[in-house]
C-alpha atoms as a PDB file:
ATOM      1  CA  UNK A   1      25.749 -20.521  55.852  1.00  0.00           C
ATOM      2  CA  UNK A   2      29.258 -21.949  55.676  1.00  0.00           C
ATOM      3  CA  UNK A   3      30.562 -25.064  53.961  1.00  0.00           C
ATOM      4  CA  UNK A   4      33.629 -27.184  54.515  1.00  0.00           C
ATOM      5  CA  UNK A   5      35.263 -26.433  51.166  1.00  0.00           C
ATOM      6  CA  UNK A   6      37.831 -23.677  50.776  1.00  0.00           C
ATOM      7  CA  UNK A   7      39.799 -22.902  47.634  1.00  0.00           C
ATOM      8  CA  UNK A   8      42.746 -22.092  49.902  1.00  0.00           C
ATOM      9  CA  UNK A   9      43.234 -25.806  50.551  1.00  0.00           C
ATOM     10  CA  UNK A  10      43.776 -26.398  46.823  1.00  0.00           C
ATOM     11  CA  UNK A  11      46.386 -23.654  46.535  1.00  0.00           C
ATOM     12  CA  UNK A  12      49.664 -25.135  45.298  1.00  0.00           C
ATOM     13  CA  UNK A  13      52.328 -22.569  44.465  1.00  0.00           C
ATOM     14  CA  UNK A  14      54.240 -25.220  42.494  1.00  0.00           C
ATOM     15  CA  UNK A  15      51.301 -25.839  40.161  1.00  0.00           C
ATOM     16  CA  UNK A  16      52.227 -24.580  36.674  1.00  0.00           C
ATOM     17  CA  UNK A  17      49.169 -22.386  36.211  1.00  0.00           C
ATOM     18  CA  UNK A  18      50.049 -20.364  39.317  1.00  0.00           C
ATOM     19  CA  UNK A  19      53.111 -19.162  37.422  1.00  0.00           C
ATOM     20  CA  UNK A  20      50.680 -17.518  35.023  1.00  0.00           C
ATOM     21  CA  UNK A  21      48.801 -15.880  37.873  1.00  0.00           C
ATOM     22  CA  UNK A  22      52.050 -14.511  39.318  1.00  0.00           C
ATOM     23  CA  UNK A  23      52.867 -13.035  35.918  1.00  0.00           C
ATOM     24  CA  UNK A  24      49.349 -11.655  35.672  1.00  0.00           C
ATOM     25  CA  UNK A  25      49.574  -9.807  38.991  1.00  0.00           C
ATOM     26  CA  UNK A  26      52.964  -8.351  38.067  1.00  0.00           C
ATOM     27  CA  UNK A  27      51.602  -7.156  34.723  1.00  0.00           C
ATOM     28  CA  UNK A  28      48.597  -5.563  36.373  1.00  0.00           C
ATOM     29  CA  UNK A  29      50.693  -3.693  38.921  1.00  0.00           C
ATOM     30  CA  UNK A  30      53.189  -2.508  36.305  1.00  0.00           C
ATOM     31  CA  UNK A  31      51.066  -1.864  33.220  1.00  0.00           C
ATOM     32  CA  UNK A  32      49.985   1.681  34.101  1.00  0.00           C
ATOM     33  CA  UNK A  33      52.483   4.488  33.556  1.00  0.00           C
ATOM     34  CA  UNK A  34      50.347   7.359  34.798  1.00  0.00           C
ATOM     35  CA  UNK A  35      48.984   5.915  38.049  1.00  0.00           C
ATOM     36  CA  UNK A  36      49.056   2.770  40.176  1.00  0.00           C
ATOM     37  CA  UNK A  37      46.246   0.251  39.701  1.00  0.00           C
ATOM     38  CA  UNK A  38      44.659  -0.455  43.082  1.00  0.00           C
ATOM     39  CA  UNK A  39      41.094  -1.440  42.140  1.00  0.00           C
ATOM     40  CA  UNK A  40      40.659  -4.130  39.473  1.00  0.00           C
ATOM     41  CA  UNK A  41      37.230  -5.195  38.229  1.00  0.00           C
ATOM     42  CA  UNK A  42      37.012  -8.749  36.880  1.00  0.00           C
ATOM     43  CA  UNK A  43      34.094  -9.476  34.557  1.00  0.00           C
ATOM     44  CA  UNK A  44      33.072 -11.502  31.510  1.00  0.00           C
ATOM     45  CA  UNK A  45      30.467 -11.392  28.767  1.00  0.00           C
ATOM     46  CA  UNK A  46      28.224 -14.205  30.009  1.00  0.00           C
ATOM     47  CA  UNK A  47      27.837 -16.723  32.826  1.00  0.00           C
ATOM     48  CA  UNK A  48      30.128 -19.697  33.428  1.00  0.00           C
ATOM     49  CA  UNK A  49      33.336 -18.245  32.033  1.00  0.00           C
ATOM     50  CA  UNK A  50      35.197 -18.719  35.317  1.00  0.00           C
ATOM     51  CA  UNK A  51      35.542 -15.089  36.428  1.00  0.00           C
ATOM     52  CA  UNK A  52      34.818 -15.794  40.114  1.00  0.00           C
ATOM     53  CA  UNK A  53      37.333 -18.635  40.317  1.00  0.00           C
ATOM     54  CA  UNK A  54      39.928 -16.530  38.521  1.00  0.00           C
ATOM     55  CA  UNK A  55      39.221 -13.596  40.870  1.00  0.00           C
ATOM     56  CA  UNK A  56      39.773 -15.910  43.838  1.00  0.00           C
ATOM     57  CA  UNK A  57      42.982 -17.428  42.447  1.00  0.00           C
ATOM     58  CA  UNK A  58      44.328 -14.007  41.491  1.00  0.00           C
ATOM     59  CA  UNK A  59      43.688 -12.791  45.038  1.00  0.00           C
ATOM     60  CA  UNK A  60      45.351 -15.835  46.589  1.00  0.00           C
ATOM     61  CA  UNK A  61      48.387 -15.416  44.351  1.00  0.00           C
ATOM     62  CA  UNK A  62      48.661 -11.671  44.931  1.00  0.00           C
ATOM     63  CA  UNK A  63      48.620 -12.170  48.702  1.00  0.00           C
ATOM     64  CA  UNK A  64      50.665 -15.332  49.114  1.00  0.00           C
ATOM     65  CA  UNK A  65      53.080 -15.247  46.200  1.00  0.00           C
ATOM     66  CA  UNK A  66      53.386 -11.555  45.290  1.00  0.00           C
ATOM     67  CA  UNK A  67      53.253 -10.373  48.900  1.00  0.00           C
ATOM     68  CA  UNK A  68      50.530  -7.780  48.287  1.00  0.00           C
ATOM     69  CA  UNK A  69      48.002  -6.808  50.926  1.00  0.00           C
ATOM     70  CA  UNK A  70      44.904  -7.919  49.027  1.00  0.00           C
ATOM     71  CA  UNK A  71      41.157  -7.423  49.379  1.00  0.00           C
ATOM     72  CA  UNK A  72      38.811  -9.665  47.402  1.00  0.00           C
ATOM     73  CA  UNK A  73      35.420  -7.989  47.015  1.00  0.00           C
ATOM     74  CA  UNK A  74      32.361  -9.915  45.854  1.00  0.00           C
ATOM     75  CA  UNK A  75      30.280  -7.384  43.912  1.00  0.00           C
ATOM     76  CA  UNK A  76      28.145 -10.023  42.211  1.00  0.00           C
ATOM     77  CA  UNK A  77      25.080  -9.375  44.354  1.00  0.00           C
ATOM     78  CA  UNK A  78      22.808 -11.462  42.106  1.00  0.00           C
ATOM     79  CA  UNK A  79      24.754 -14.743  41.954  1.00  0.00           C
ATOM     80  CA  UNK A  80      27.525 -14.429  44.556  1.00  0.00           C
ATOM     81  CA  UNK A  81      30.023 -17.266  44.829  1.00  0.00           C
ATOM     82  CA  UNK A  82      33.138 -15.963  46.591  1.00  0.00           C
ATOM     83  CA  UNK A  83      31.752 -16.989  49.996  1.00  0.00           C
ATOM     84  CA  UNK A  84      31.208 -20.509  48.637  1.00  0.00           C
ATOM     85  CA  UNK A  85      34.732 -20.721  47.231  1.00  0.00           C
ATOM     86  CA  UNK A  86      36.231 -19.808  50.601  1.00  0.00           C
ATOM     87  CA  UNK A  87      33.710 -21.591  52.825  1.00  0.00           C
ATOM     88  CA  UNK A  88      32.659 -18.471  54.737  1.00  0.00           C
ATOM     89  CA  UNK A  89      29.397 -16.721  55.558  1.00  0.00           C
ATOM     90  CA  UNK A  90      28.027 -14.308  52.974  1.00  0.00           C
ATOM     91  CA  UNK A  91      26.250 -12.118  55.561  1.00  0.00           C
ATOM     92  CA  UNK A  92      27.532  -8.703  56.675  1.00  0.00           C
ATOM     93  CA  UNK A  93      29.102  -7.889  53.356  1.00  0.00           C
ATOM     94  CA  UNK A  94      29.074  -5.360  50.541  1.00  0.00           C
ATOM     95  CA  UNK A  95      25.308  -4.865  50.290  1.00  0.00           C
ATOM     96  CA  UNK A  96      25.104  -4.158  54.029  1.00  0.00           C
ATOM     97  CA  UNK A  97      27.855  -1.557  53.716  1.00  0.00           C
ATOM     98  CA  UNK A  98      26.140   0.196  50.814  1.00  0.00           C
ATOM     99  CA  UNK A  99      22.527   0.062  51.992  1.00  0.00           C
ATOM    100  CA  UNK A 100      22.680  -0.116  55.790  1.00  0.00           C
ATOM    101  CA  UNK A 101      25.683   2.080  56.490  1.00  0.00           C
ATOM    102  CA  UNK A 102      27.697  -0.869  57.815  1.00  0.00           C
ATOM    103  CA  UNK A 103      31.346   0.062  58.409  1.00  0.00           C
ATOM    104  CA  UNK A 104      33.488  -1.477  55.600  1.00  0.00           C
ATOM    105  CA  UNK A 105      36.234  -2.368  58.080  1.00  0.00           C
ATOM    106  CA  UNK A 106      33.700  -4.397  60.082  1.00  0.00           C
ATOM    107  CA  UNK A 107      32.642  -6.223  56.915  1.00  0.00           C
ATOM    108  CA  UNK A 108      36.172  -7.492  56.261  1.00  0.00           C
ATOM    109  CA  UNK A 109      36.592 -11.237  56.801  1.00  0.00           C
ATOM    110  CA  UNK A 110      40.095 -12.471  57.556  1.00  0.00           C
ATOM    111  CA  UNK A 111      41.452 -15.636  55.954  1.00  0.00           C
ATOM    112  CA  UNK A 112      44.223 -18.035  56.903  1.00  0.00           C
ATOM    113  CA  UNK A 113      46.376 -16.268  54.300  1.00  0.00           C
ATOM    114  CA  UNK A 114      47.965 -13.429  56.238  1.00  0.00           C
ATOM    115  CA  UNK A 115      47.643 -10.767  53.529  1.00  0.00           C
ATOM    116  CA  UNK A 116      44.280 -11.806  52.064  1.00  0.00           C
ATOM    117  CA  UNK A 117      40.991 -10.323  53.280  1.00  0.00           C
ATOM    118  CA  UNK A 118      37.505 -10.759  51.829  1.00  0.00           C
ATOM    119  CA  UNK A 119      34.316  -8.739  51.753  1.00  0.00           C
ATOM    120  CA  UNK A 120      31.464 -11.017  50.711  1.00  0.00           C
ATOM    121  CA  UNK A 121      28.341  -9.954  48.821  1.00  0.00           C
ATOM    122  CA  UNK A 122      26.247  -9.523  51.962  1.00  0.00           C
ATOM    123  CA  UNK A 123      22.496  -9.706  52.394  1.00  0.00           C
ATOM    124  CA  UNK A 124      20.058 -10.061  49.520  1.00  0.00           C
ATOM    125  CA  UNK A 125      19.352  -6.834  47.620  1.00  0.00           C
ATOM    126  CA  UNK A 126      16.257  -6.483  45.435  1.00  0.00           C
ATOM    127  CA  UNK A 127      17.793  -4.131  42.861  1.00  0.00           C
ATOM    128  CA  UNK A 128      21.630  -4.192  42.853  1.00  0.00           C
ATOM    129  CA  UNK A 129      21.831  -1.701  39.981  1.00  0.00           C
ATOM    130  CA  UNK A 130      20.512   1.030  42.291  1.00  0.00           C
ATOM    131  CA  UNK A 131      23.203   0.163  44.831  1.00  0.00           C
ATOM    132  CA  UNK A 132      26.052   0.523  42.340  1.00  0.00           C
ATOM    133  CA  UNK A 133      24.638   3.723  40.906  1.00  0.00           C
ATOM    134  CA  UNK A 134      25.098   5.457  44.254  1.00  0.00           C
ATOM    135  CA  UNK A 135      28.195   7.343  45.384  1.00  0.00           C
ATOM    136  CA  UNK A 136      28.553   5.049  48.405  1.00  0.00           C
ATOM    137  CA  UNK A 137      30.526   2.480  46.379  1.00  0.00           C
ATOM    138  CA  UNK A 138      33.041   5.126  45.245  1.00  0.00           C
ATOM    139  CA  UNK A 139      33.424   6.374  48.801  1.00  0.00           C
ATOM    140  CA  UNK A 140      33.972   2.839  50.067  1.00  0.00           C
ATOM    141  CA  UNK A 141      36.562   1.910  47.427  1.00  0.00           C
ATOM    142  CA  UNK A 142      38.492   5.143  47.930  1.00  0.00           C
ATOM    143  CA  UNK A 143      38.590   4.495  51.657  1.00  0.00           C
ATOM    144  CA  UNK A 144      39.740   0.868  51.356  1.00  0.00           C
ATOM    145  CA  UNK A 145      42.562   1.770  48.977  1.00  0.00           C
ATOM    146  CA  UNK A 146      44.443   3.177  51.955  1.00  0.00           C
ATOM    147  CA  UNK A 147      44.631  -0.268  53.585  1.00  0.00           C
ATOM    148  CA  UNK A 148      45.363  -2.503  50.580  1.00  0.00           C
ATOM    149  CA  UNK A 149      47.885  -2.800  47.760  1.00  0.00           C
ATOM    150  CA  UNK A 150      45.223  -4.179  45.427  1.00  0.00           C
ATOM    151  CA  UNK A 151      41.448  -4.684  45.558  1.00  0.00           C
ATOM    152  CA  UNK A 152      40.128  -7.364  43.204  1.00  0.00           C
ATOM    153  CA  UNK A 153      36.403  -7.033  42.494  1.00  0.00           C
ATOM    154  CA  UNK A 154      34.362  -9.952  41.175  1.00  0.00           C
ATOM    155  CA  UNK A 155      31.353  -8.585  39.271  1.00  0.00           C
ATOM    156  CA  UNK A 156      28.453 -10.055  37.275  1.00  0.00           C
ATOM    157  CA  UNK A 157      28.836 -10.644  33.510  1.00  0.00           C
ATOM    158  CA  UNK A 158      28.120  -7.619  31.333  1.00  0.00           C
ATOM    159  CA  UNK A 159      25.511  -8.992  28.930  1.00  0.00           C
ATOM    160  CA  UNK A 160      22.775 -10.067  31.368  1.00  0.00           C
ATOM    161  CA  UNK A 161      22.854  -7.047  33.723  1.00  0.00           C
ATOM    162  CA  UNK A 162      24.031  -3.429  33.933  1.00  0.00           C
ATOM    163  CA  UNK A 163      25.857  -3.706  37.289  1.00  0.00           C
ATOM    164  CA  UNK A 164      29.384  -4.033  35.809  1.00  0.00           C
ATOM    165  CA  UNK A 165      28.856  -0.991  33.577  1.00  0.00           C
ATOM    166  CA  UNK A 166      27.869   1.086  36.604  1.00  0.00           C
ATOM    167  CA  UNK A 167      30.892  -0.171  38.534  1.00  0.00           C
ATOM    168  CA  UNK A 168      33.334   0.317  35.674  1.00  0.00           C
ATOM    169  CA  UNK A 169      33.442   4.082  36.173  1.00  0.00           C
ATOM    170  CA  UNK A 170      34.515   3.625  39.788  1.00  0.00           C
ATOM    171  CA  UNK A 171      37.544   1.329  39.338  1.00  0.00           C
ATOM    172  CA  UNK A 172      41.091   1.850  38.098  1.00  0.00           C
ATOM    173  CA  UNK A 173      41.168  -1.054  35.638  1.00  0.00           C
ATOM    174  CA  UNK A 174      39.126  -3.891  34.134  1.00  0.00           C
ATOM    175  CA  UNK A 175      40.138  -7.484  33.302  1.00  0.00           C
ATOM    176  CA  UNK A 176      37.864  -9.321  30.865  1.00  0.00           C
ATOM    177  CA  UNK A 177      37.575 -13.108  31.198  1.00  0.00           C
ATOM    178  CA  UNK A 178      36.954 -15.264  28.117  1.00  0.00           C
ATOM    179  CA  UNK A 179      36.437 -19.020  28.154  1.00  0.00           C
ATOM    180  CA  UNK A 180      38.480 -20.558  25.356  1.00  0.00           C
ATOM    181  CA  UNK A 181      36.589 -22.800  22.973  1.00  0.00           C
ATOM    182  CA  UNK A 182      33.244 -21.761  24.434  1.00  0.00           C
ATOM    183  CA  UNK A 183      32.515 -18.055  24.114  1.00  0.00           C
ATOM    184  CA  UNK A 184      31.940 -16.893  20.549  1.00  0.00           C
ATOM    185  CA  UNK A 185      33.721 -13.904  19.046  1.00  0.00           C
ATOM    186  CA  UNK A 186      30.402 -12.076  18.617  1.00  0.00           C
ATOM    187  CA  UNK A 187      29.546 -12.490  22.293  1.00  0.00           C
ATOM    188  CA  UNK A 188      33.012 -11.316  23.349  1.00  0.00           C
ATOM    189  CA  UNK A 189      32.771  -8.278  21.081  1.00  0.00           C
ATOM    190  CA  UNK A 190      29.271  -7.421  22.284  1.00  0.00           C
ATOM    191  CA  UNK A 191      30.493  -7.468  25.882  1.00  0.00           C
ATOM    192  CA  UNK A 192      33.365  -5.157  25.024  1.00  0.00           C
ATOM    193  CA  UNK A 193      30.979  -2.817  23.215  1.00  0.00           C
ATOM    194  CA  UNK A 194      28.895  -2.522  26.374  1.00  0.00           C
ATOM    195  CA  UNK A 195      32.025  -1.515  28.277  1.00  0.00           C
ATOM    196  CA  UNK A 196      33.022   0.958  25.556  1.00  0.00           C
ATOM    197  CA  UNK A 197      32.557   3.993  27.807  1.00  0.00           C
ATOM    198  CA  UNK A 198      35.298   2.549  30.027  1.00  0.00           C
ATOM    199  CA  UNK A 199      37.310   0.909  27.235  1.00  0.00           C
ATOM    200  CA  UNK A 200      40.444   2.823  28.210  1.00  0.00           C
ATOM    201  CA  UNK A 201      40.336   0.947  31.531  1.00  0.00           C
ATOM    202  CA  UNK A 202      40.346  -2.538  29.979  1.00  0.00           C
ATOM    203  CA  UNK A 203      43.954  -3.565  30.467  1.00  0.00           C
ATOM    204  CA  UNK A 204      43.540  -6.924  28.772  1.00  0.00           C
ATOM    205  CA  UNK A 205      41.721 -10.251  28.662  1.00  0.00           C
ATOM    206  CA  UNK A 206      42.235 -13.398  30.689  1.00  0.00           C
ATOM    207  CA  UNK A 207      41.797 -16.484  28.559  1.00  0.00           C
ATOM    208  CA  UNK A 208      40.401 -19.259  30.712  1.00  0.00           C
ATOM    209  CA  UNK A 209      41.302 -22.605  29.154  1.00  0.00           C
ATOM    210  CA  UNK A 210      39.180 -24.846  31.374  1.00  0.00           C
ATOM    211  CA  UNK A 211      38.377 -27.224  28.512  1.00  0.00           C
ATOM    212  CA  UNK A 212      41.965 -27.535  27.247  1.00  0.00           C
ATOM    213  CA  UNK A 213      40.857 -26.166  23.900  1.00  0.00           C
ATOM    214  CA  UNK A 214      44.059 -24.328  23.030  1.00  0.00           C
ATOM    215  CA  UNK A 215      46.798 -25.927  20.888  1.00  0.00           C
ATOM    216  CA  UNK A 216      49.128 -28.380  22.620  1.00  0.00           C
ATOM    217  CA  UNK A 217      52.033 -25.929  22.896  1.00  0.00           C
ATOM    218  CA  UNK A 218      50.029 -23.795  25.395  1.00  0.00           C
ATOM    219  CA  UNK A 219      49.901 -26.739  27.786  1.00  0.00           C
ATOM    220  CA  UNK A 220      52.599 -27.058  30.451  1.00  0.00           C
ATOM    221  CA  UNK A 221      52.561 -30.835  30.107  1.00  0.00           C
ATOM    222  CA  UNK A 222      54.093 -30.453  26.626  1.00  0.00           C
ATOM    223  CA  UNK A 223      56.696 -27.945  27.710  1.00  0.00           C
ATOM    224  CA  UNK A 224      58.105 -30.352  30.278  1.00  0.00           C
ATOM    225  CA  UNK A 225      59.694 -27.719  32.542  1.00  0.00           C
ATOM    226  CA  UNK A 226      58.921 -28.733  36.113  1.00  0.00           C
ATOM    227  CA  UNK A 227      60.576 -29.671  39.381  1.00  0.00           C
ATOM    228  CA  UNK A 228      62.195 -33.096  39.610  1.00  0.00           C
ATOM    229  CA  UNK A 229      63.368 -32.796  43.219  1.00  0.00           C
ATOM    230  CA  UNK A 230      64.234 -36.401  44.080  1.00  0.00           C
ATOM    231  CA  UNK A 231      63.938 -38.151  40.744  1.00  0.00           C
ATOM    232  CA  UNK A 232      67.076 -39.446  38.936  1.00  0.00           C
ATOM    233  CA  UNK A 233      67.929 -37.924  35.588  1.00  0.00           C
ATOM    234  CA  UNK A 234      66.554 -39.868  32.671  1.00  0.00           C
ATOM    235  CA  UNK A 235      66.787 -39.739  28.927  1.00  0.00           C
ATOM    236  CA  UNK A 236      64.480 -37.049  27.481  1.00  0.00           C
ATOM    237  CA  UNK A 237      61.502 -38.425  25.604  1.00  0.00           C
ATOM    238  CA  UNK A 238      60.265 -37.052  22.297  1.00  0.00           C
ATOM    239  CA  UNK A 239      56.641 -35.925  22.313  1.00  0.00           C
ATOM    240  CA  UNK A 240      54.599 -36.546  19.196  1.00  0.00           C
ATOM    241  CA  UNK A 241      52.245 -33.541  19.116  1.00  0.00           C
ATOM    242  CA  UNK A 242      49.860 -35.038  16.538  1.00  0.00           C
ATOM    243  CA  UNK A 243      49.460 -38.208  18.580  1.00  0.00           C
ATOM    244  CA  UNK A 244      48.870 -36.207  21.754  1.00  0.00           C
ATOM    245  CA  UNK A 245      46.348 -33.959  20.044  1.00  0.00           C
ATOM    246  CA  UNK A 246      44.417 -36.948  18.647  1.00  0.00           C
ATOM    247  CA  UNK A 247      44.250 -38.388  22.138  1.00  0.00           C
ATOM    248  CA  UNK A 248      43.052 -35.076  23.571  1.00  0.00           C
ATOM    249  CA  UNK A 249      40.396 -34.649  20.898  1.00  0.00           C
ATOM    250  CA  UNK A 250      39.092 -38.152  21.640  1.00  0.00           C
ATOM    251  CA  UNK A 251      38.740 -37.383  25.334  1.00  0.00           C
ATOM    252  CA  UNK A 252      38.260 -33.673  25.957  1.00  0.00           C
ATOM    253  CA  UNK A 253      37.500 -34.060  29.664  1.00  0.00           C
ATOM    254  CA  UNK A 254      41.142 -33.487  30.560  1.00  0.00           C
ATOM    255  CA  UNK A 255      40.590 -29.934  31.764  1.00  0.00           C
ATOM    256  CA  UNK A 256      43.022 -27.355  33.042  1.00  0.00           C
ATOM    257  CA  UNK A 257      42.245 -25.623  36.312  1.00  0.00           C
ATOM    258  CA  UNK A 258      42.591 -22.006  35.308  1.00  0.00           C
ATOM    259  CA  UNK A 259      44.051 -19.423  32.975  1.00  0.00           C
ATOM    260  CA  UNK A 260      46.673 -20.680  30.525  1.00  0.00           C
ATOM    261  CA  UNK A 261      47.121 -17.647  28.280  1.00  0.00           C
ATOM    262  CA  UNK A 262      46.842 -14.409  30.168  1.00  0.00           C
ATOM    263  CA  UNK A 263      46.459 -10.662  29.628  1.00  0.00           C
ATOM    264  CA  UNK A 264      46.104 -10.558  25.872  1.00  0.00           C
ATOM    265  CA  UNK A 265      45.359  -7.085  24.586  1.00  0.00           C
ATOM    266  CA  UNK A 266      41.789  -6.551  23.372  1.00  0.00           C
ATOM    267  CA  UNK A 267      42.594  -4.329  20.367  1.00  0.00           C
ATOM    268  CA  UNK A 268      42.266  -7.156  17.822  1.00  0.00           C
ATOM    269  CA  UNK A 269      39.198  -8.902  19.224  1.00  0.00           C
END
């Protein structure tokens, strides 16, 4: 079932947070010395940390801004959302490829972004863990690498289910999403412990600041560096950080759309 909403319509390459996503993609593609990263698993510790939205925005940025032939793969077979974000049908997707022998190339859904393709989650599967434990997923990913510069894989969170752990051995790298001001240090650490067998693949964390809970100097509105295409020059104003912070603390609904601080190493978490 399709809906009328598509995250593509909200894509604005001039939006400040897309600068962070461009940097993120460049870091991912250049952070490995030994081999190129072509399959990236995106996960988090628990639900509602924004991993699916970040996976979608990363894929959009990689395709449209970084010029990479990109495949976005929805491997969250329990609570899939990529099809909702892009307003496309979920049927004939990953689960059909892995359980019914459906050709992966036939499961690819084109988007209006020339270099962005999607494979949705597919039909309902009773036990996804059994699907990811099979060699079919490795065979599929190895085959699709030939056609794409990067494959971004949205997976379930690591604490509730074992699916991400099973997938982690089959990807080149892992990005770990944390929601600032929401996820506790203990929960973050527990999630990383679960991924310990693939810890060498965790290239960093993506800090999702959806509640604007970071200090004011992380916010682009306080940096003041933006396009002023047709506006006359005016006298610079002095920002009072304490006054701004008091205002923000009084009304914390002023949320940021995506990642503000990106790819922080996990060694000190």
